[in-house]
Every structure is written in C-alpha cells, then in structure tokens.
Protein backbone atom coordinates (compact mmCIF):
# COMPACT_ATOMS: atom_id res chain seq x y z
CA MET A 1 75.50 87.15 120.61
CA GLU A 2 73.39 89.26 117.75
CA GLU A 3 73.50 92.01 120.02
CA GLU A 4 77.71 92.32 120.50
CA PHE A 5 78.41 91.66 117.16
CA ALA A 6 76.09 94.53 116.20
CA SER A 7 78.06 96.87 118.64
CA ASP A 8 81.46 95.69 117.12
CA ILE A 9 80.28 96.73 113.52
CA GLU A 10 78.81 99.98 115.24
CA GLN A 11 82.30 100.47 116.61
CA ASP A 12 84.00 99.87 113.54
CA LEU A 13 81.71 102.38 111.48
CA ASP A 14 82.54 105.05 114.21
CA VAL A 15 86.03 104.25 114.13
CA LEU A 16 86.73 104.48 110.82
CA GLU A 17 84.63 107.70 109.81
CA SER A 18 86.78 109.28 112.63
CA LEU A 19 90.60 108.18 110.09
CA GLU A 20 89.43 110.45 107.42
CA PRO A 21 92.54 111.08 105.36
CA PRO A 22 93.67 113.84 103.46
CA SER A 23 92.12 114.72 100.34
CA GLY A 24 95.53 114.34 98.72
CA ILE A 25 96.31 111.22 98.99
CA GLY A 26 97.33 109.06 96.10
CA PHE A 27 96.43 105.08 97.65
CA LEU A 28 94.03 104.26 100.22
CA GLN A 29 94.26 100.63 101.60
CA ILE A 30 91.41 99.42 104.34
CA ILE A 31 91.49 95.90 105.66
CA GLY A 32 89.52 94.01 107.91
CA TYR A 33 86.50 96.21 108.12
CA GLN A 34 83.57 94.82 109.64
CA GLY A 35 80.69 97.25 108.58
CA PRO A 36 78.04 96.74 106.08
CA TYR A 37 78.96 100.27 103.99
CA LEU A 38 82.26 102.49 103.56
CA PRO A 39 82.34 105.36 105.86
CA CYS A 40 80.71 108.78 104.67
CA TRP A 41 83.95 110.13 103.77
CA MET A 42 84.10 107.27 100.74
CA ARG A 43 80.67 108.23 99.90
CA LYS A 44 78.70 110.71 97.69
CA GLN A 45 76.89 112.72 100.70
CA ARG A 46 73.21 112.13 100.51
CA ASP A 47 71.76 109.91 102.83
CA SER A 48 70.95 111.84 106.31
CA LEU A 49 73.85 109.63 108.46
CA CYS A 50 76.26 111.58 105.99
CA LEU A 51 74.96 114.44 105.63
CA GLU A 52 74.82 114.43 109.68
CA ALA A 53 78.38 113.29 109.99
CA ILE A 54 79.33 116.73 107.77
CA MET A 55 77.64 118.64 109.67
CA SER A 56 79.03 117.87 113.25
CA LYS A 57 82.17 118.27 111.62
CA GLN A 58 81.68 121.59 109.23
CA THR A 59 83.61 120.27 106.81
CA SER A 60 82.40 119.87 103.21
CA PRO A 61 82.11 116.31 101.22
CA SER A 62 85.02 114.91 100.91
CA GLN A 63 87.26 114.42 97.69
CA PHE A 64 90.04 112.37 96.51
CA LEU A 65 90.88 113.96 93.20
CA TRP A 66 94.43 112.33 93.37
CA LEU A 67 93.50 109.05 94.67
CA ILE A 68 95.81 106.50 91.86
CA GLU A 69 95.39 103.42 93.69
CA LEU A 70 92.19 101.80 96.07
CA SER A 71 92.74 98.25 97.88
CA LEU A 72 89.79 96.61 99.57
CA GLU A 73 91.04 93.62 101.82
CA PHE A 74 88.38 91.28 103.64
CA LEU A 75 85.55 93.18 104.36
CA PRO A 76 83.16 90.34 104.94
CA ASN A 77 79.91 92.68 105.35
CA LEU A 78 80.49 95.09 102.71
CA LYS A 79 77.48 94.28 100.26
CA CYS A 80 77.34 96.91 97.51
CA LEU A 81 80.26 99.50 96.13
CA GLN A 82 77.95 101.97 94.31
CA GLY A 83 78.41 106.29 95.09
CA LEU A 84 81.78 106.67 95.90
CA VAL A 85 82.99 110.07 95.86
CA GLU A 86 84.81 111.38 92.88
CA LEU A 87 88.18 109.38 91.66
CA PRO A 88 88.65 110.80 88.61
CA LEU A 89 92.68 109.93 88.94
CA LEU A 90 92.05 106.33 90.01
CA LYS A 91 94.07 103.67 88.03
CA ASN A 92 94.25 100.58 90.23
CA LEU A 93 91.23 99.10 92.02
CA SER A 94 91.78 95.77 94.20
CA LEU A 95 88.70 94.14 96.19
CA THR A 96 90.03 91.24 98.31
CA GLY A 97 87.97 88.61 100.51
CA MET A 98 84.60 90.07 100.28
CA PRO A 99 82.37 87.18 100.15
CA ASN A 100 78.93 89.14 100.16
CA LEU A 101 79.94 91.92 97.91
CA GLU A 102 77.35 91.83 95.19
CA GLU A 103 77.57 94.78 93.27
CA LEU A 104 80.62 97.17 91.56
CA TRP A 105 79.37 99.87 89.55
CA ILE A 106 81.65 101.60 87.48
CA THR A 107 78.74 104.11 86.63
CA SER A 108 76.30 106.73 87.49
CA GLY A 109 73.49 108.55 86.05
CA LEU A 110 70.08 109.64 85.10
CA GLU A 111 67.14 107.30 84.27
CA ILE A 112 63.98 108.41 82.43
CA GLY A 113 61.95 105.43 82.15
CA GLN A 114 64.15 102.36 81.11
CA GLU A 115 66.51 104.87 79.19
CA GLU A 116 69.72 106.20 81.10
CA VAL A 117 70.14 109.85 79.29
CA ARG A 118 73.60 110.75 81.16
CA VAL A 119 76.38 108.93 82.51
CA GLN A 120 79.15 109.43 84.29
CA TYR A 121 82.07 106.58 84.66
CA CYS A 122 83.15 107.00 88.65
CA PHE A 123 86.68 105.45 87.66
CA PRO A 124 86.83 107.20 84.24
CA VAL A 125 90.93 105.83 83.95
CA LEU A 126 90.83 102.75 85.86
CA THR A 127 93.16 100.71 84.14
CA ASN A 128 94.03 97.45 86.46
CA LEU A 129 91.32 95.67 88.53
CA THR A 130 92.33 92.66 90.90
CA VAL A 131 88.70 90.60 92.01
CA LYS A 132 89.67 88.10 94.77
CA ARG A 133 88.11 86.02 96.71
CA CYS A 134 84.37 87.84 95.75
CA PRO A 135 82.06 84.54 94.87
CA LYS A 136 79.34 86.84 94.24
CA LEU A 137 80.25 89.83 92.47
CA TYR A 138 79.07 91.36 89.02
CA VAL A 139 80.38 94.50 87.57
CA LYS A 140 77.51 96.95 86.72
CA PRO A 141 76.42 97.43 84.36
CA TYR A 142 79.63 96.22 82.73
CA LEU A 143 83.14 96.31 83.30
CA PRO A 144 85.54 99.79 83.03
CA PRO A 145 85.92 100.50 79.13
CA CYS A 146 89.76 102.08 79.88
CA LEU A 147 90.78 98.68 81.82
CA GLU A 148 94.01 97.16 80.40
CA LYS A 149 94.83 94.86 83.53
CA LEU A 150 92.01 92.63 85.07
CA THR A 151 92.73 89.35 87.59
CA VAL A 152 89.85 87.12 88.47
CA GLU A 153 90.78 84.54 91.43
CA ARG A 154 88.46 82.56 92.76
CA SER A 155 85.43 85.01 92.55
CA ASN A 156 81.88 84.98 90.26
CA GLU A 157 83.02 83.31 86.63
CA HIS A 158 79.73 86.17 85.21
CA LEU A 159 82.39 88.92 85.66
CA LEU A 160 83.71 87.38 82.53
CA SER A 161 80.57 87.09 80.69
CA SER A 162 79.51 88.60 77.48
CA SER A 163 76.93 90.93 79.76
CA SER A 164 79.72 92.15 82.01
CA LEU A 165 81.83 92.75 78.55
CA PHE A 166 80.01 94.07 75.98
CA SER A 167 77.21 96.89 75.98
CA CYS A 168 75.99 99.39 73.39
CA PRO A 169 78.06 102.52 73.94
CA LEU A 170 76.48 104.96 75.95
CA LYS A 171 75.54 108.03 73.04
CA PRO A 172 72.52 109.96 72.84
CA ASP A 173 73.23 109.28 68.48
CA VAL A 174 73.70 106.18 68.95
CA ASP A 175 70.39 103.50 68.09
CA LYS A 176 70.53 100.83 70.99
CA SER A 177 68.32 98.73 68.54
CA SER A 178 71.09 98.34 66.36
CA PRO A 179 72.84 94.95 65.75
CA SER A 180 76.46 96.34 66.31
CA CYS A 181 75.66 97.30 69.63
CA SER A 182 76.12 93.50 71.00
CA VAL A 183 79.57 93.27 69.55
CA LEU A 184 80.85 96.36 70.57
CA GLY A 185 83.55 95.57 73.24
CA VAL A 186 83.61 98.11 76.56
CA VAL A 187 87.38 96.58 77.03
CA PRO A 188 88.71 97.27 74.00
CA CYS A 189 92.07 98.01 75.21
CA LEU A 190 92.50 94.84 77.50
CA LYS A 191 96.15 93.65 77.55
CA GLU A 192 96.45 91.55 80.66
CA LEU A 193 93.82 88.33 81.59
CA ARG A 194 94.83 86.37 84.34
CA LEU A 195 92.18 83.61 86.27
CA ASP A 196 92.94 81.46 89.02
CA GLY A 197 91.00 79.49 90.73
CA LEU A 198 87.75 79.29 88.44
CA THR A 199 85.19 76.76 87.32
CA VAL A 200 84.31 79.04 83.81
CA SER A 201 81.95 77.45 81.30
CA SER A 202 82.63 77.12 77.57
CA SER A 203 80.20 79.84 76.71
CA VAL A 204 82.87 82.19 79.16
CA TRP A 205 85.75 80.76 77.03
CA GLU A 206 84.18 81.77 73.94
CA VAL A 207 84.64 85.52 74.29
CA LEU A 208 88.68 85.76 74.64
CA HIS A 209 87.82 85.86 70.34
CA HIS A 210 87.16 89.50 71.02
CA PHE A 211 89.95 90.63 72.70
CA SER A 212 92.04 91.36 69.50
CA GLU A 213 94.60 93.25 71.86
CA LEU A 214 95.63 91.16 74.79
CA GLU A 215 99.13 90.38 74.95
CA LEU A 216 98.78 88.08 78.25
CA LEU A 217 96.63 85.61 79.44
CA GLY A 218 97.08 83.70 82.16
CA ILE A 219 95.21 80.34 83.42
CA HIS A 220 95.97 79.17 86.91
CA GLY A 221 94.01 76.45 89.04
CA CYS A 222 91.26 75.54 87.04
CA PRO A 223 91.10 71.79 87.47
CA ASP A 224 88.46 70.98 85.52
CA MET A 225 89.94 72.44 82.26
CA ARG A 226 91.29 69.60 80.09
CA GLN A 227 91.65 71.18 76.92
CA LEU A 228 92.15 75.33 75.51
CA PRO A 229 89.63 76.58 74.25
CA THR A 230 89.70 77.03 70.67
CA SER A 231 88.84 81.05 70.90
CA ILE A 232 92.62 81.02 72.07
CA GLY A 233 93.47 81.14 68.45
CA SER A 234 92.16 84.53 67.86
CA LEU A 235 94.54 86.04 70.19
CA THR A 236 96.59 87.20 67.67
CA SER A 237 98.84 90.22 69.62
CA LEU A 238 99.27 87.39 72.40
CA TRP A 239 103.07 87.13 73.33
CA GLN A 240 102.88 85.62 77.00
CA LEU A 241 100.96 82.61 77.59
CA GLN A 242 101.08 80.68 81.03
CA ILE A 243 99.46 77.90 82.31
CA THR A 244 99.62 76.67 86.09
CA ARG A 245 97.45 73.68 87.72
CA CYS A 246 95.19 72.62 84.99
CA SER A 247 94.31 69.08 83.79
CA LEU A 248 95.18 70.14 80.75
CA CYS A 249 95.73 67.00 78.28
CA MET A 250 96.92 68.97 74.87
CA LEU A 251 97.78 72.62 72.92
CA PRO A 252 95.04 73.54 71.36
CA GLU A 253 95.53 73.48 67.30
CA GLY A 254 94.79 76.99 66.95
CA LEU A 255 97.92 78.05 69.46
CA GLN A 256 99.81 77.34 66.61
CA HIS A 257 98.86 80.30 64.82
CA LEU A 258 99.74 82.51 67.39
CA THR A 259 102.75 83.49 65.83
CA SER A 260 103.56 86.57 68.11
CA ILE A 261 103.87 84.31 71.19
CA GLN A 262 107.43 84.94 72.86
CA HIS A 263 107.11 83.44 75.86
CA LEU A 264 105.33 80.18 76.64
CA GLU A 265 104.68 78.83 80.52
CA LEU A 266 103.55 75.28 81.52
CA ALA A 267 103.22 74.32 84.86
CA GLU A 268 101.74 71.64 87.35
CA CYS A 269 99.68 70.39 84.81
CA ASP A 270 99.83 66.69 85.52
CA ALA A 271 97.68 65.27 82.90
CA LEU A 272 100.32 66.73 80.24
CA THR A 273 101.72 63.98 78.50
CA MET A 274 102.80 65.71 74.51
CA MET A 275 103.50 68.63 73.32
CA PRO A 276 102.58 69.09 69.27
CA GLU A 277 105.22 69.06 66.40
CA TRP A 278 103.43 72.66 65.42
CA ILE A 279 105.56 74.16 68.32
CA GLY A 280 108.30 74.34 65.85
CA GLN A 281 105.94 77.41 63.79
CA LEU A 282 106.13 79.54 67.03
CA SER A 283 108.89 81.53 65.41
CA VAL A 284 109.37 84.46 67.62
CA LEU A 285 109.19 82.42 71.11
CA GLN A 286 112.27 83.40 72.99
CA SER A 287 111.18 81.56 76.62
CA LEU A 288 109.95 78.21 77.07
CA ARG A 289 109.14 77.12 80.72
CA ILE A 290 107.81 73.43 81.86
CA SER A 291 107.55 72.88 85.64
CA GLU A 292 106.26 69.68 87.04
CA CYS A 293 104.38 68.35 84.28
CA PRO A 294 105.41 64.81 85.28
CA ALA A 295 103.83 63.18 82.52
CA LEU A 296 105.59 65.29 79.85
CA GLU A 297 108.50 62.97 78.73
CA SER A 298 109.86 64.72 75.56
CA LEU A 299 109.61 67.51 73.28
CA PRO A 300 109.13 68.28 69.71
CA GLN A 301 111.93 67.56 67.37
CA SER A 302 110.84 70.62 66.10
CA ILE A 303 111.95 72.45 69.14
CA LYS A 304 115.70 72.64 67.17
CA CYS A 305 113.55 74.80 64.38
CA LEU A 306 113.17 77.77 67.40
CA ALA A 307 115.91 79.67 66.09
CA ALA A 308 114.73 82.28 68.38
CA LEU A 309 114.44 80.62 71.63
CA GLN A 310 117.08 82.16 73.99
CA GLU A 311 115.91 80.18 77.18
CA LEU A 312 114.90 76.58 77.91
CA PHE A 313 113.92 76.29 81.89
CA ILE A 314 113.00 72.73 83.08
CA PHE A 315 112.07 71.79 86.72
CA GLY A 316 110.56 68.77 88.45
CA CYS A 317 109.89 66.63 85.24
CA ARG A 318 112.02 63.60 85.60
CA GLY A 319 111.24 62.31 82.34
CA LEU A 320 112.77 65.40 80.88
CA THR A 321 115.40 65.77 82.71
CA LYS A 322 116.72 62.02 81.64
CA ARG A 323 115.98 63.35 78.07
CA TYR A 324 117.84 66.17 77.55
CA GLU A 325 120.38 66.25 80.42
CA GLU A 326 123.59 67.90 79.62
CA GLU A 327 125.88 65.55 77.40
CA VAL A 328 124.20 62.64 78.90
CA GLY A 329 120.35 62.85 77.92
CA ASP A 330 119.47 61.00 74.59
CA ASP A 331 117.99 64.18 73.02
CA CYS A 332 120.13 67.19 73.75
CA ASN A 333 121.69 67.92 70.79
CA LEU A 334 118.01 68.89 70.04
CA ILE A 335 118.76 71.94 72.56
CA SER A 336 122.18 72.71 72.07
CA HIS A 337 121.07 75.78 70.10
CA ILE A 338 119.47 77.40 73.05
CA PRO A 339 121.59 79.81 74.68
CA SER A 340 120.65 79.58 78.14
CA VAL A 341 119.58 76.13 79.19
CA ARG A 342 118.43 75.16 82.82
CA ILE A 343 117.24 71.68 84.18
CA VAL A 344 116.23 70.72 87.44
CA ASP A 345 115.49 67.51 88.87
CA LEU A 346 114.06 67.36 92.04
CA GLU A 347 115.52 64.12 93.09
CA LEU A 348 118.32 64.62 92.33
CA LEU A 349 118.53 68.55 94.26
CA ALA A 350 117.07 66.40 97.40
CA ARG A 351 119.61 64.07 97.66
CA ARG A 352 121.91 66.72 97.53
CA LEU A 353 120.54 68.40 99.93
CA GLY A 354 120.07 65.32 102.03
CA ALA A 355 123.83 64.99 101.53
CA CYS A 356 124.46 68.11 102.85
CA THR A 357 122.21 67.74 105.86
CA SER A 358 124.13 64.80 107.00
CA VAL A 359 127.58 65.93 106.64
CA ASN A 360 126.71 69.51 108.52
CA PRO A 361 124.17 68.27 111.22
C-alpha cells in the first residue's frame, strides 16, 4: 500500500513537471496535487533534481514575471513554501485545504551569524492573502508589508500573533535593539480583515488596535466569542463591520466611538438579546442588516436618530418582525424615516410557500 501511495505521488510530480505553463501567464491554479513539494518550474533552481530537469529540457530556469494571481488548493502533502521563483507582480495568493503546510516564507536573504544583512521580498506587491483550512501554517518571518486584504478561515490563529504582524524594519541603518522595533507594524496598509472559524485568544485580539487603517472587519463562525474585544474601539477608520455565527451577547461600548461605520451586519448571533441605545451615535450609518438573531426582540429607541440610515434589512427575527412590521408593528413609527425597509418573516414565508405547493402540486 505504501509503495503504491509513493508511486502515485511520484506520478503526480512527473505529470505536474511536464505541465509547465508559459512564462507570460497572469493566473495559475493548482488543485489536488499530491506531491510534498512544488515542481521545479515553481522553485528557484538550486537542487540537483531541478538542475537535472533543466538540463534534460535544455531550457533556462522558469520566471513568471507577469503572474498576478496564484491559487494552491487541496495539496495535502505540501509542507513548505520557500524559495519560489521570482513573482514580482503577484498581488493575490490563495492557499486552501493544505493540512500539512507549515511554512510560507515571504522573504529570502543572506545571513551572517544571527544577522540578516540583505533581504529580498518574494512577493513585493502582494496585497491579498487568503488562507483557508491550513491549521499548521506560519507565515515567516512576518506577513507581507504591502498586504491590504487578509482572510483567515479555519487555520492557525497564530497567523494573527504579534510575531507575524510586527517586526523591526530590515534596514541596515535601524538599531534592532531599539524599543520602537517592537511596535512598528509590517502590515500598515491592511484595509480588510476577515476571520472565519477561529478559536482566537484574547492576546491575539489585542493586536487589532494597531490596525488604524482597517476599513472592513468580518468575524464569522467563532462560537466561543461572547463579546467583541475592547481593542475594536481603536479602529477609527472602520466603515464596515460584519459579525456572523458568533455567540455574541452584546456589542462593546467602544463601538460607539467608531463614528465612521457605514455598514453594520449581524447574523446568526443566537445569544444577542439587545442592541444598545448608543447605536444612535453612529451618525453616518447607512445600512443595518440583522439576520436570524432569534433572541433579539427590539431595536433601540435611538434608531430614529440615525438620519443617514438608508437601509434596514431584517431576516428571520420573529420578535423584530412583530414589533416593526409596516403599519401593524407596535414600533413601526421608529423606522418610518428609513427609505428602504425589508422585513422577511421566515414562518410567514414558509406558510406561503406551502400554500403555493398545495395549489400547484
């Protein structure tokens, strides 16, 4: 059985080696490859196997100077991404379903003793990194400095640790013993952060206060999260907040100071029982979407103060439906100033669908 498995892996590698794409491609996707390392045409040609491959084909080492997007999906035996070919224009990198992937290196350089004296970024313009179902992955030595969008789903929470997010700038004229090194962020441009299916420690959440440029924060599928971190109050540039499938009991007080928020979405938060009155202080809020929060039975009275609110969408919240249904709800007058109000009652919808089915069997 083991010999057969090894043979399959070798065959996979041979096939992928023979499928070297043209150097001018802009998008590359590899799915289901079983090998423990990438083919020679994706790596810097240093080991003997790669050199042998080059000699047999009588070609020069591969270069993908125009590659913009790279997607690696369901590569179960890949353990390390290091020493890749030059990818100077790569902007989007997606890693999905790699249970044994442990390292993604974003720099290469020369080291003398413990000092790294010359560093080259492997992805100098990478702006979008998506990591899904990679539970062992560490990004080394830290996240790409040009990163604007980061999505982490069911993966190693330490991708968000301080060691991944911050490091002393690698310049010869900077004193690495300086206290300022520990607070200099290497992802100063991060605009969007989406977290899904993580069990994130409180220490990891505290790094949020460094993301002063963050505009979108999405927290999804974190069942242990009963309250948002206080550090969220430091996200002064945040304009969109999405919270879904969390055991959230309440919104944090610090959220009221984020007066830049324009879109707020709450979905499948079963433990959420109330929304605070300070919601009325979110003066530029344009869209409020609440879906399947069964314990939530009322909106704050201050919602009538939200003059900029253009859209209110309520889906599958029985208590809210009864209270704010147009013309018949007890508090429908509180939301009469909102131009677009959509309230979907799941029970009523199911009855109507049932009726349609009985009429048209």
